[in-house]
All heavy atoms as atom14 arrays in JSON, in Angstrom:
{
  "sequence": "MYAMGWFRQAPGKEREFVAAISWSGGSTDYADSVKGRFTISRD",
  "atom14_mask": [
    [1, 1, 1, 1, 1, 1, 1, 1, 0, 0, 0, 0, 0, 0],
    [1, 1, 1, 1, 1, 1, 1, 1, 1, 1, 1, 1, 0, 0],
    [1, 1, 1, 1, 1, 0, 0, 0, 0, 0, 0, 0, 0, 0],
    [1, 1, 1, 1, 1, 1, 1, 1, 0, 0, 0, 0, 0, 0],
    [1, 1, 1, 1, 0, 0, 0, 0, 0, 0, 0, 0, 0, 0],
    [1, 1, 1, 1, 1, 1, 1, 1, 1, 1, 1, 1, 1, 1],
    [1, 1, 1, 1, 1, 1, 1, 1, 1, 1, 1, 0, 0, 0],
    [1, 1, 1, 1, 1, 1, 1, 1, 1, 1, 1, 0, 0, 0],
    [1, 1, 1, 1, 1, 1, 1, 1, 1, 0, 0, 0, 0, 0],
    [1, 1, 1, 1, 1, 0, 0, 0, 0, 0, 0, 0, 0, 0],
    [1, 1, 1, 1, 1, 1, 1, 0, 0, 0, 0, 0, 0, 0],
    [1, 1, 1, 1, 0, 0, 0, 0, 0, 0, 0, 0, 0, 0],
    [1, 1, 1, 1, 1, 1, 1, 1, 1, 0, 0, 0, 0, 0],
    [1, 1, 1, 1, 1, 1, 1, 1, 1, 0, 0, 0, 0, 0],
    [1, 1, 1, 1, 1, 1, 1, 1, 1, 1, 1, 0, 0, 0],
    [1, 1, 1, 1, 1, 1, 1, 1, 1, 0, 0, 0, 0, 0],
    [1, 1, 1, 1, 1, 1, 1, 1, 1, 1, 1, 0, 0, 0],
    [1, 1, 1, 1, 1, 1, 1, 0, 0, 0, 0, 0, 0, 0],
    [1, 1, 1, 1, 1, 0, 0, 0, 0, 0, 0, 0, 0, 0],
    [1, 1, 1, 1, 1, 0, 0, 0, 0, 0, 0, 0, 0, 0],
    [1, 1, 1, 1, 1, 1, 1, 1, 0, 0, 0, 0, 0, 0],
    [1, 1, 1, 1, 1, 1, 0, 0, 0, 0, 0, 0, 0, 0],
    [1, 1, 1, 1, 1, 1, 1, 1, 1, 1, 1, 1, 1, 1],
    [1, 1, 1, 1, 1, 1, 0, 0, 0, 0, 0, 0, 0, 0],
    [1, 1, 1, 1, 0, 0, 0, 0, 0, 0, 0, 0, 0, 0],
    [1, 1, 1, 1, 0, 0, 0, 0, 0, 0, 0, 0, 0, 0],
    [1, 1, 1, 1, 1, 1, 0, 0, 0, 0, 0, 0, 0, 0],
    [1, 1, 1, 1, 1, 1, 1, 0, 0, 0, 0, 0, 0, 0],
    [1, 1, 1, 1, 1, 1, 1, 1, 0, 0, 0, 0, 0, 0],
    [1, 1, 1, 1, 1, 1, 1, 1, 1, 1, 1, 1, 0, 0],
    [1, 1, 1, 1, 1, 0, 0, 0, 0, 0, 0, 0, 0, 0],
    [1, 1, 1, 1, 1, 1, 1, 1, 0, 0, 0, 0, 0, 0],
    [1, 1, 1, 1, 1, 1, 0, 0, 0, 0, 0, 0, 0, 0],
    [1, 1, 1, 1, 1, 1, 1, 0, 0, 0, 0, 0, 0, 0],
    [1, 1, 1, 1, 1, 1, 1, 1, 1, 0, 0, 0, 0, 0],
    [1, 1, 1, 1, 0, 0, 0, 0, 0, 0, 0, 0, 0, 0],
    [1, 1, 1, 1, 1, 1, 1, 1, 1, 1, 1, 0, 0, 0],
    [1, 1, 1, 1, 1, 1, 1, 1, 1, 1, 1, 0, 0, 0],
    [1, 1, 1, 1, 1, 1, 1, 0, 0, 0, 0, 0, 0, 0],
    [1, 1, 1, 1, 1, 1, 1, 1, 0, 0, 0, 0, 0, 0],
    [1, 1, 1, 1, 1, 1, 0, 0, 0, 0, 0, 0, 0, 0],
    [1, 1, 1, 1, 1, 1, 1, 1, 1, 1, 1, 0, 0, 0],
    [1, 1, 1, 1, 1, 1, 1, 1, 0, 0, 0, 0, 0, 0]
  ],
  "atom14_positions": [
    [[-2.2, -16.49, -3.12], [-1.24, -16.4, -4.22], [-1.31, -14.95, -4.9], [-0.67, -14.67, -5.93], [-1.67, -17.39, -5.34], [-1.53, -18.84, -5.01], [0.2, -19.32, -4.79], [0.84, -19.21, -6.44], [0.0, 0.0, 0.0], [0.0, 0.0, 0.0], [0.0, 0.0, 0.0], [0.0, 0.0, 0.0], [0.0, 0.0, 0.0], [0.0, 0.0, 0.0]],
    [[-1.95, -13.99, -4.26], [-2.13, -12.74, -4.75], [-1.35, -11.64, -3.91], [-1.49, -11.6, -2.63], [-3.59, -12.29, -4.79], [-4.38, -12.91, -5.88], [-4.87, -14.26, -5.78], [-4.61, -12.28, -7.14], [-5.49, -14.86, -6.77], [-5.32, -12.94, -8.14], [-5.76, -14.24, -7.95], [-6.44, -14.84, -8.94], [0.0, 0.0, 0.0], [0.0, 0.0, 0.0]],
    [[-0.46, -10.87, -4.63], [0.07, -9.76, -3.98], [-1.03, -8.71, -3.92], [-1.89, -8.67, -4.8], [1.19, -9.23, -4.8], [0.0, 0.0, 0.0], [0.0, 0.0, 0.0], [0.0, 0.0, 0.0], [0.0, 0.0, 0.0], [0.0, 0.0, 0.0], [0.0, 0.0, 0.0], [0.0, 0.0, 0.0], [0.0, 0.0, 0.0], [0.0, 0.0, 0.0]],
    [[-1.02, -7.88, -2.86], [-2.12, -6.92, -2.63], [-1.57, -5.56, -2.54], [-0.41, -5.33, -2.06], [-2.88, -7.32, -1.36], [-3.47, -8.69, -1.34], [-4.71, -8.89, -2.58], [-5.97, -7.71, -1.95], [0.0, 0.0, 0.0], [0.0, 0.0, 0.0], [0.0, 0.0, 0.0], [0.0, 0.0, 0.0], [0.0, 0.0, 0.0], [0.0, 0.0, 0.0]],
    [[-2.32, -4.58, -2.9], [-1.92, -3.23, -2.72], [-3.13, -2.34, -2.35], [-4.28, -2.63, -2.51], [0.0, 0.0, 0.0], [0.0, 0.0, 0.0], [0.0, 0.0, 0.0], [0.0, 0.0, 0.0], [0.0, 0.0, 0.0], [0.0, 0.0, 0.0], [0.0, 0.0, 0.0], [0.0, 0.0, 0.0], [0.0, 0.0, 0.0], [0.0, 0.0, 0.0]],
    [[-2.79, -1.16, -1.77], [-3.74, -0.11, -1.44], [-3.25, 1.15, -2.3], [-2.19, 1.54, -2.33], [-3.72, 0.2, -0.02], [-4.42, -0.7, 0.85], [-3.84, -1.77, 1.66], [-5.83, -0.87, 1.21], [-4.75, -2.51, 2.35], [-6.01, -1.96, 2.07], [-6.97, -0.1, 0.7], [-7.28, -2.3, 2.53], [-8.22, -0.52, 1.21], [-8.34, -1.56, 2.1]],
    [[-4.31, 1.72, -2.88], [-4.12, 2.96, -3.58], [-5.21, 3.98, -3.18], [-6.23, 3.59, -2.51], [-4.36, 2.77, -5.18], [-3.23, 1.94, -5.74], [-3.16, 0.53, -5.51], [-2.24, 2.53, -6.44], [-2.11, -0.16, -6.06], [-1.18, 1.82, -7.0], [-1.13, 0.42, -6.81], [0.0, 0.0, 0.0], [0.0, 0.0, 0.0], [0.0, 0.0, 0.0]],
    [[-4.99, 5.31, -3.36], [-6.02, 6.17, -3.07], [-6.14, 7.34, -4.1], [-5.19, 7.54, -4.88], [-5.72, 6.88, -1.64], [-4.38, 7.73, -1.63], [-4.07, 8.24, -0.23], [-2.92, 9.05, -0.24], [-2.29, 9.47, 0.87], [-2.82, 9.17, 2.08], [-1.17, 10.25, 0.82], [0.0, 0.0, 0.0], [0.0, 0.0, 0.0], [0.0, 0.0, 0.0]],
    [[-7.3, 7.94, -4.16], [-7.52, 8.91, -5.07], [-8.37, 10.02, -4.52], [-9.46, 9.84, -3.96], [-8.24, 8.4, -6.3], [-8.29, 9.47, -7.4], [-8.78, 8.85, -8.79], [-9.3, 7.74, -8.84], [-8.5, 9.58, -9.85], [0.0, 0.0, 0.0], [0.0, 0.0, 0.0], [0.0, 0.0, 0.0], [0.0, 0.0, 0.0], [0.0, 0.0, 0.0]],
    [[-7.68, 11.3, -4.42], [-8.39, 12.37, -3.85], [-9.09, 13.13, -4.96], [-8.73, 13.02, -6.11], [-7.3, 13.29, -3.16], [0.0, 0.0, 0.0], [0.0, 0.0, 0.0], [0.0, 0.0, 0.0], [0.0, 0.0, 0.0], [0.0, 0.0, 0.0], [0.0, 0.0, 0.0], [0.0, 0.0, 0.0], [0.0, 0.0, 0.0], [0.0, 0.0, 0.0]],
    [[-10.14, 13.94, -4.62], [-10.85, 14.63, -5.7], [-9.89, 15.53, -6.55], [-9.07, 16.29, -5.99], [-11.76, 15.57, -4.83], [-12.03, 14.81, -3.62], [-10.64, 14.16, -3.27], [0.0, 0.0, 0.0], [0.0, 0.0, 0.0], [0.0, 0.0, 0.0], [0.0, 0.0, 0.0], [0.0, 0.0, 0.0], [0.0, 0.0, 0.0], [0.0, 0.0, 0.0]],
    [[-10.04, 15.47, -7.81], [-9.18, 16.23, -8.67], [-7.76, 15.81, -8.81], [-6.96, 16.44, -9.51], [0.0, 0.0, 0.0], [0.0, 0.0, 0.0], [0.0, 0.0, 0.0], [0.0, 0.0, 0.0], [0.0, 0.0, 0.0], [0.0, 0.0, 0.0], [0.0, 0.0, 0.0], [0.0, 0.0, 0.0], [0.0, 0.0, 0.0], [0.0, 0.0, 0.0]],
    [[-7.48, 14.7, -8.28], [-6.04, 14.12, -8.28], [-6.02, 12.78, -8.95], [-7.05, 12.11, -8.96], [-5.41, 14.14, -6.91], [-5.17, 15.5, -6.27], [-4.47, 15.45, -5.0], [-4.14, 16.82, -4.43], [-3.42, 16.77, -3.23], [0.0, 0.0, 0.0], [0.0, 0.0, 0.0], [0.0, 0.0, 0.0], [0.0, 0.0, 0.0], [0.0, 0.0, 0.0]],
    [[-4.86, 12.33, -9.37], [-4.71, 11.03, -9.97], [-4.52, 9.99, -8.83], [-4.18, 10.29, -7.63], [-3.5, 10.96, -10.81], [-3.5, 11.77, -12.12], [-2.36, 11.61, -13.06], [-1.45, 10.78, -12.68], [-2.46, 12.14, -14.17], [0.0, 0.0, 0.0], [0.0, 0.0, 0.0], [0.0, 0.0, 0.0], [0.0, 0.0, 0.0], [0.0, 0.0, 0.0]],
    [[-4.86, 8.81, -9.08], [-4.73, 7.72, -8.18], [-3.24, 7.46, -7.78], [-2.42, 7.61, -8.68], [-5.31, 6.46, -8.72], [-5.27, 5.21, -7.79], [-6.09, 4.11, -8.27], [-5.85, 3.79, -9.66], [-6.64, 2.96, -10.4], [-7.71, 2.42, -9.89], [-6.29, 2.74, -11.73], [0.0, 0.0, 0.0], [0.0, 0.0, 0.0], [0.0, 0.0, 0.0]],
    [[-3.04, 7.34, -6.49], [-1.64, 7.15, -6.03], [-1.44, 5.87, -5.25], [-2.36, 5.48, -4.54], [-1.18, 8.4, -5.38], [-1.83, 8.65, -4.03], [-1.14, 9.8, -3.26], [-0.13, 10.3, -3.64], [-1.78, 10.15, -2.2], [0.0, 0.0, 0.0], [0.0, 0.0, 0.0], [0.0, 0.0, 0.0], [0.0, 0.0, 0.0], [0.0, 0.0, 0.0]],
    [[-0.21, 5.34, -5.34], [0.12, 4.19, -4.62], [0.2, 4.57, -3.08], [0.71, 5.61, -2.74], [1.47, 3.61, -5.01], [2.14, 2.74, -4.17], [1.66, 1.4, -4.07], [3.18, 3.0, -3.43], [2.27, 0.42, -3.27], [3.77, 2.12, -2.58], [3.35, 0.81, -2.57], [0.0, 0.0, 0.0], [0.0, 0.0, 0.0], [0.0, 0.0, 0.0]],
    [[-0.23, 3.65, -2.22], [-0.15, 3.84, -0.79], [0.7, 2.84, -0.14], [1.64, 3.14, 0.55], [-1.54, 3.79, -0.12], [-1.45, 3.95, 1.4], [-2.39, 4.94, -0.66], [0.0, 0.0, 0.0], [0.0, 0.0, 0.0], [0.0, 0.0, 0.0], [0.0, 0.0, 0.0], [0.0, 0.0, 0.0], [0.0, 0.0, 0.0], [0.0, 0.0, 0.0]],
    [[0.4, 1.53, -0.42], [1.14, 0.42, 0.21], [0.99, -0.85, -0.54], [-0.12, -0.92, -1.19], [0.76, 0.27, 1.67], [0.0, 0.0, 0.0], [0.0, 0.0, 0.0], [0.0, 0.0, 0.0], [0.0, 0.0, 0.0], [0.0, 0.0, 0.0], [0.0, 0.0, 0.0], [0.0, 0.0, 0.0], [0.0, 0.0, 0.0], [0.0, 0.0, 0.0]],
    [[1.89, -1.76, -0.37], [1.79, -3.09, -1.06], [2.31, -4.19, -0.17], [3.24, -3.93, 0.7], [2.47, -2.99, -2.37], [0.0, 0.0, 0.0], [0.0, 0.0, 0.0], [0.0, 0.0, 0.0], [0.0, 0.0, 0.0], [0.0, 0.0, 0.0], [0.0, 0.0, 0.0], [0.0, 0.0, 0.0], [0.0, 0.0, 0.0], [0.0, 0.0, 0.0]],
    [[1.92, -5.4, -0.34], [2.37, -6.52, 0.41], [2.44, -7.74, -0.47], [1.52, -7.95, -1.29], [1.47, -6.73, 1.58], [2.07, -7.78, 2.65], [0.08, -7.13, 1.24], [1.4, -7.8, 4.0], [0.0, 0.0, 0.0], [0.0, 0.0, 0.0], [0.0, 0.0, 0.0], [0.0, 0.0, 0.0], [0.0, 0.0, 0.0], [0.0, 0.0, 0.0]],
    [[3.46, -8.5, -0.35], [3.56, -9.79, -1.08], [2.52, -10.78, -0.52], [1.96, -10.63, 0.57], [4.97, -10.39, -0.96], [5.26, -10.59, 0.4], [0.0, 0.0, 0.0], [0.0, 0.0, 0.0], [0.0, 0.0, 0.0], [0.0, 0.0, 0.0], [0.0, 0.0, 0.0], [0.0, 0.0, 0.0], [0.0, 0.0, 0.0], [0.0, 0.0, 0.0]],
    [[2.38, -11.9, -1.28], [1.33, -12.82, -0.71], [1.76, -13.54, 0.55], [0.96, -14.07, 1.26], [0.81, -13.8, -1.76], [1.7, -14.73, -2.49], [2.16, -14.75, -3.77], [2.08, -16.0, -1.94], [2.88, -15.79, -4.06], [2.84, -16.64, -2.98], [1.98, -16.6, -0.71], [3.49, -17.91, -2.8], [2.65, -17.91, -0.65], [3.35, -18.49, -1.6]],
    [[3.09, -13.59, 0.71], [3.6, -14.27, 1.96], [3.45, -13.35, 3.15], [3.62, -13.74, 4.28], [4.98, -14.73, 1.76], [5.88, -13.57, 1.63], [0.0, 0.0, 0.0], [0.0, 0.0, 0.0], [0.0, 0.0, 0.0], [0.0, 0.0, 0.0], [0.0, 0.0, 0.0], [0.0, 0.0, 0.0], [0.0, 0.0, 0.0], [0.0, 0.0, 0.0]],
    [[3.39, -12.06, 2.83], [3.41, -11.01, 3.84], [4.83, -10.68, 4.28], [5.05, -9.79, 5.12], [0.0, 0.0, 0.0], [0.0, 0.0, 0.0], [0.0, 0.0, 0.0], [0.0, 0.0, 0.0], [0.0, 0.0, 0.0], [0.0, 0.0, 0.0], [0.0, 0.0, 0.0], [0.0, 0.0, 0.0], [0.0, 0.0, 0.0], [0.0, 0.0, 0.0]],
    [[5.82, -11.27, 3.56], [7.17, -11.04, 3.95], [7.82, -9.82, 3.38], [8.91, -9.32, 3.77], [0.0, 0.0, 0.0], [0.0, 0.0, 0.0], [0.0, 0.0, 0.0], [0.0, 0.0, 0.0], [0.0, 0.0, 0.0], [0.0, 0.0, 0.0], [0.0, 0.0, 0.0], [0.0, 0.0, 0.0], [0.0, 0.0, 0.0], [0.0, 0.0, 0.0]],
    [[7.14, -9.23, 2.39], [7.66, -8.04, 1.73], [6.53, -6.99, 1.76], [5.4, -7.25, 1.35], [8.08, -8.24, 0.34], [9.16, -9.17, 0.29], [0.0, 0.0, 0.0], [0.0, 0.0, 0.0], [0.0, 0.0, 0.0], [0.0, 0.0, 0.0], [0.0, 0.0, 0.0], [0.0, 0.0, 0.0], [0.0, 0.0, 0.0], [0.0, 0.0, 0.0]],
    [[6.91, -5.76, 2.12], [5.94, -4.65, 2.01], [6.69, -3.43, 1.52], [7.94, -3.35, 1.56], [5.4, -4.34, 3.46], [6.52, -3.9, 4.3], [4.67, -5.47, 4.07], [0.0, 0.0, 0.0], [0.0, 0.0, 0.0], [0.0, 0.0, 0.0], [0.0, 0.0, 0.0], [0.0, 0.0, 0.0], [0.0, 0.0, 0.0], [0.0, 0.0, 0.0]],
    [[5.89, -2.43, 1.08], [6.44, -1.23, 0.58], [5.34, -0.07, 0.8], [4.11, -0.42, 0.85], [6.73, -1.28, -0.92], [7.72, -0.14, -1.36], [8.28, 0.64, -0.44], [7.87, 0.05, -2.63], [0.0, 0.0, 0.0], [0.0, 0.0, 0.0], [0.0, 0.0, 0.0], [0.0, 0.0, 0.0], [0.0, 0.0, 0.0], [0.0, 0.0, 0.0]],
    [[5.84, 1.14, 1.0], [4.94, 2.22, 1.31], [5.34, 3.47, 0.48], [6.56, 3.67, 0.22], [5.0, 2.58, 2.82], [4.64, 1.46, 3.74], [5.46, 0.53, 4.14], [3.29, 1.31, 4.11], [5.14, -0.48, 4.97], [2.88, 0.29, 4.92], [3.85, -0.63, 5.42], [3.36, -1.63, 6.17], [0.0, 0.0, 0.0], [0.0, 0.0, 0.0]],
    [[4.38, 4.31, 0.3], [4.64, 5.56, -0.3], [5.31, 6.43, 0.8], [5.08, 6.2, 2.01], [3.33, 6.3, -0.77], [0.0, 0.0, 0.0], [0.0, 0.0, 0.0], [0.0, 0.0, 0.0], [0.0, 0.0, 0.0], [0.0, 0.0, 0.0], [0.0, 0.0, 0.0], [0.0, 0.0, 0.0], [0.0, 0.0, 0.0], [0.0, 0.0, 0.0]],
    [[6.18, 7.34, 0.37], [6.92, 8.1, 1.36], [6.01, 8.92, 2.18], [6.25, 9.14, 3.35], [7.81, 9.15, 0.61], [9.09, 8.38, -0.05], [9.32, 7.24, 0.42], [9.71, 8.96, -0.91], [0.0, 0.0, 0.0], [0.0, 0.0, 0.0], [0.0, 0.0, 0.0], [0.0, 0.0, 0.0], [0.0, 0.0, 0.0], [0.0, 0.0, 0.0]],
    [[4.88, 9.29, 1.64], [3.91, 10.19, 2.43], [3.24, 9.46, 3.56], [2.68, 10.08, 4.45], [2.79, 10.72, 1.52], [2.11, 9.66, 0.83], [0.0, 0.0, 0.0], [0.0, 0.0, 0.0], [0.0, 0.0, 0.0], [0.0, 0.0, 0.0], [0.0, 0.0, 0.0], [0.0, 0.0, 0.0], [0.0, 0.0, 0.0], [0.0, 0.0, 0.0]],
    [[3.32, 8.1, 3.54], [2.64, 7.35, 4.62], [3.58, 6.5, 5.45], [3.13, 5.94, 6.46], [1.45, 6.47, 4.09], [0.54, 7.27, 3.27], [1.99, 5.32, 3.34], [0.0, 0.0, 0.0], [0.0, 0.0, 0.0], [0.0, 0.0, 0.0], [0.0, 0.0, 0.0], [0.0, 0.0, 0.0], [0.0, 0.0, 0.0], [0.0, 0.0, 0.0]],
    [[4.83, 6.51, 5.09], [5.77, 5.65, 5.87], [5.86, 6.11, 7.33], [5.86, 7.32, 7.67], [7.13, 5.81, 5.22], [7.35, 4.95, 4.06], [8.88, 5.08, 3.49], [9.03, 4.28, 2.2], [10.35, 4.41, 1.66], [0.0, 0.0, 0.0], [0.0, 0.0, 0.0], [0.0, 0.0, 0.0], [0.0, 0.0, 0.0], [0.0, 0.0, 0.0]],
    [[5.84, 5.12, 8.27], [5.8, 5.49, 9.6], [4.46, 5.72, 10.28], [4.29, 5.78, 11.39], [0.0, 0.0, 0.0], [0.0, 0.0, 0.0], [0.0, 0.0, 0.0], [0.0, 0.0, 0.0], [0.0, 0.0, 0.0], [0.0, 0.0, 0.0], [0.0, 0.0, 0.0], [0.0, 0.0, 0.0], [0.0, 0.0, 0.0], [0.0, 0.0, 0.0]],
    [[3.44, 5.89, 9.44], [2.12, 6.12, 9.87], [1.15, 5.01, 9.53], [0.23, 4.65, 10.25], [1.51, 7.44, 9.34], [2.38, 8.65, 9.67], [1.58, 9.93, 9.2], [1.46, 10.06, 7.86], [0.25, 10.2, 7.31], [-0.83, 10.29, 8.01], [0.2, 10.26, 5.91], [0.0, 0.0, 0.0], [0.0, 0.0, 0.0], [0.0, 0.0, 0.0]],
    [[1.33, 4.44, 8.36], [0.41, 3.41, 7.8], [1.2, 2.07, 7.89], [2.39, 1.86, 7.64], [0.03, 3.6, 6.42], [-0.93, 4.8, 6.18], [-1.19, 5.69, 7.17], [-1.54, 5.03, 4.96], [-1.99, 6.77, 7.05], [-2.39, 6.08, 4.76], [-2.65, 6.97, 5.8], [0.0, 0.0, 0.0], [0.0, 0.0, 0.0], [0.0, 0.0, 0.0]],
    [[0.39, 0.98, 8.09], [0.96, -0.44, 8.11], [-0.02, -1.29, 7.33], [-1.22, -1.38, 7.61], [1.09, -0.97, 9.49], [1.97, -0.09, 10.3], [1.69, -2.29, 9.45], [0.0, 0.0, 0.0], [0.0, 0.0, 0.0], [0.0, 0.0, 0.0], [0.0, 0.0, 0.0], [0.0, 0.0, 0.0], [0.0, 0.0, 0.0], [0.0, 0.0, 0.0]],
    [[0.57, -2.01, 6.35], [-0.28, -3.02, 5.58], [0.11, -4.36, 6.19], [1.14, -4.66, 6.51], [0.13, -2.94, 4.09], [-0.87, -3.74, 3.32], [1.6, -3.22, 3.79], [-0.78, -3.51, 1.79], [0.0, 0.0, 0.0], [0.0, 0.0, 0.0], [0.0, 0.0, 0.0], [0.0, 0.0, 0.0], [0.0, 0.0, 0.0], [0.0, 0.0, 0.0]],
    [[-0.98, -5.17, 6.25], [-0.82, -6.48, 6.72], [-1.87, -7.43, 6.12], [-2.75, -6.86, 5.43], [-0.89, -6.63, 8.24], [-2.18, -6.17, 8.65], [0.0, 0.0, 0.0], [0.0, 0.0, 0.0], [0.0, 0.0, 0.0], [0.0, 0.0, 0.0], [0.0, 0.0, 0.0], [0.0, 0.0, 0.0], [0.0, 0.0, 0.0], [0.0, 0.0, 0.0]],
    [[-1.7, -8.67, 6.24], [-2.73, -9.62, 5.63], [-2.91, -10.91, 6.53], [-2.01, -11.19, 7.23], [-2.39, -9.99, 4.26], [-1.06, -10.82, 4.14], [-0.64, -11.0, 2.71], [-1.66, -11.74, 1.87], [-1.75, -11.6, 0.6], [-0.93, -10.86, -0.16], [-2.56, -12.37, -0.11], [0.0, 0.0, 0.0], [0.0, 0.0, 0.0], [0.0, 0.0, 0.0]],
    [[-4.16, -11.4, 6.44], [-4.4, -12.65, 7.13], [-4.92, -13.61, 5.97], [-6.12, -13.45, 5.63], [-5.5, -12.39, 8.23], [-5.79, -13.64, 9.01], [-5.44, -14.87, 8.52], [-6.19, -13.49, 10.09], [0.0, 0.0, 0.0], [0.0, 0.0, 0.0], [0.0, 0.0, 0.0], [0.0, 0.0, 0.0], [0.0, 0.0, 0.0], [0.0, 0.0, 0.0]]
  ]
}
């Protein structure tokens, strides 16, 4: 029942969104900087 997300924070920088997925896994979203390179999934 939980939507999940990944965020990252580099030294000296603010936390930024990386990827998110709905609890069904049917919807995902990515930061432009990682699109095509990162894939979020869930089991």
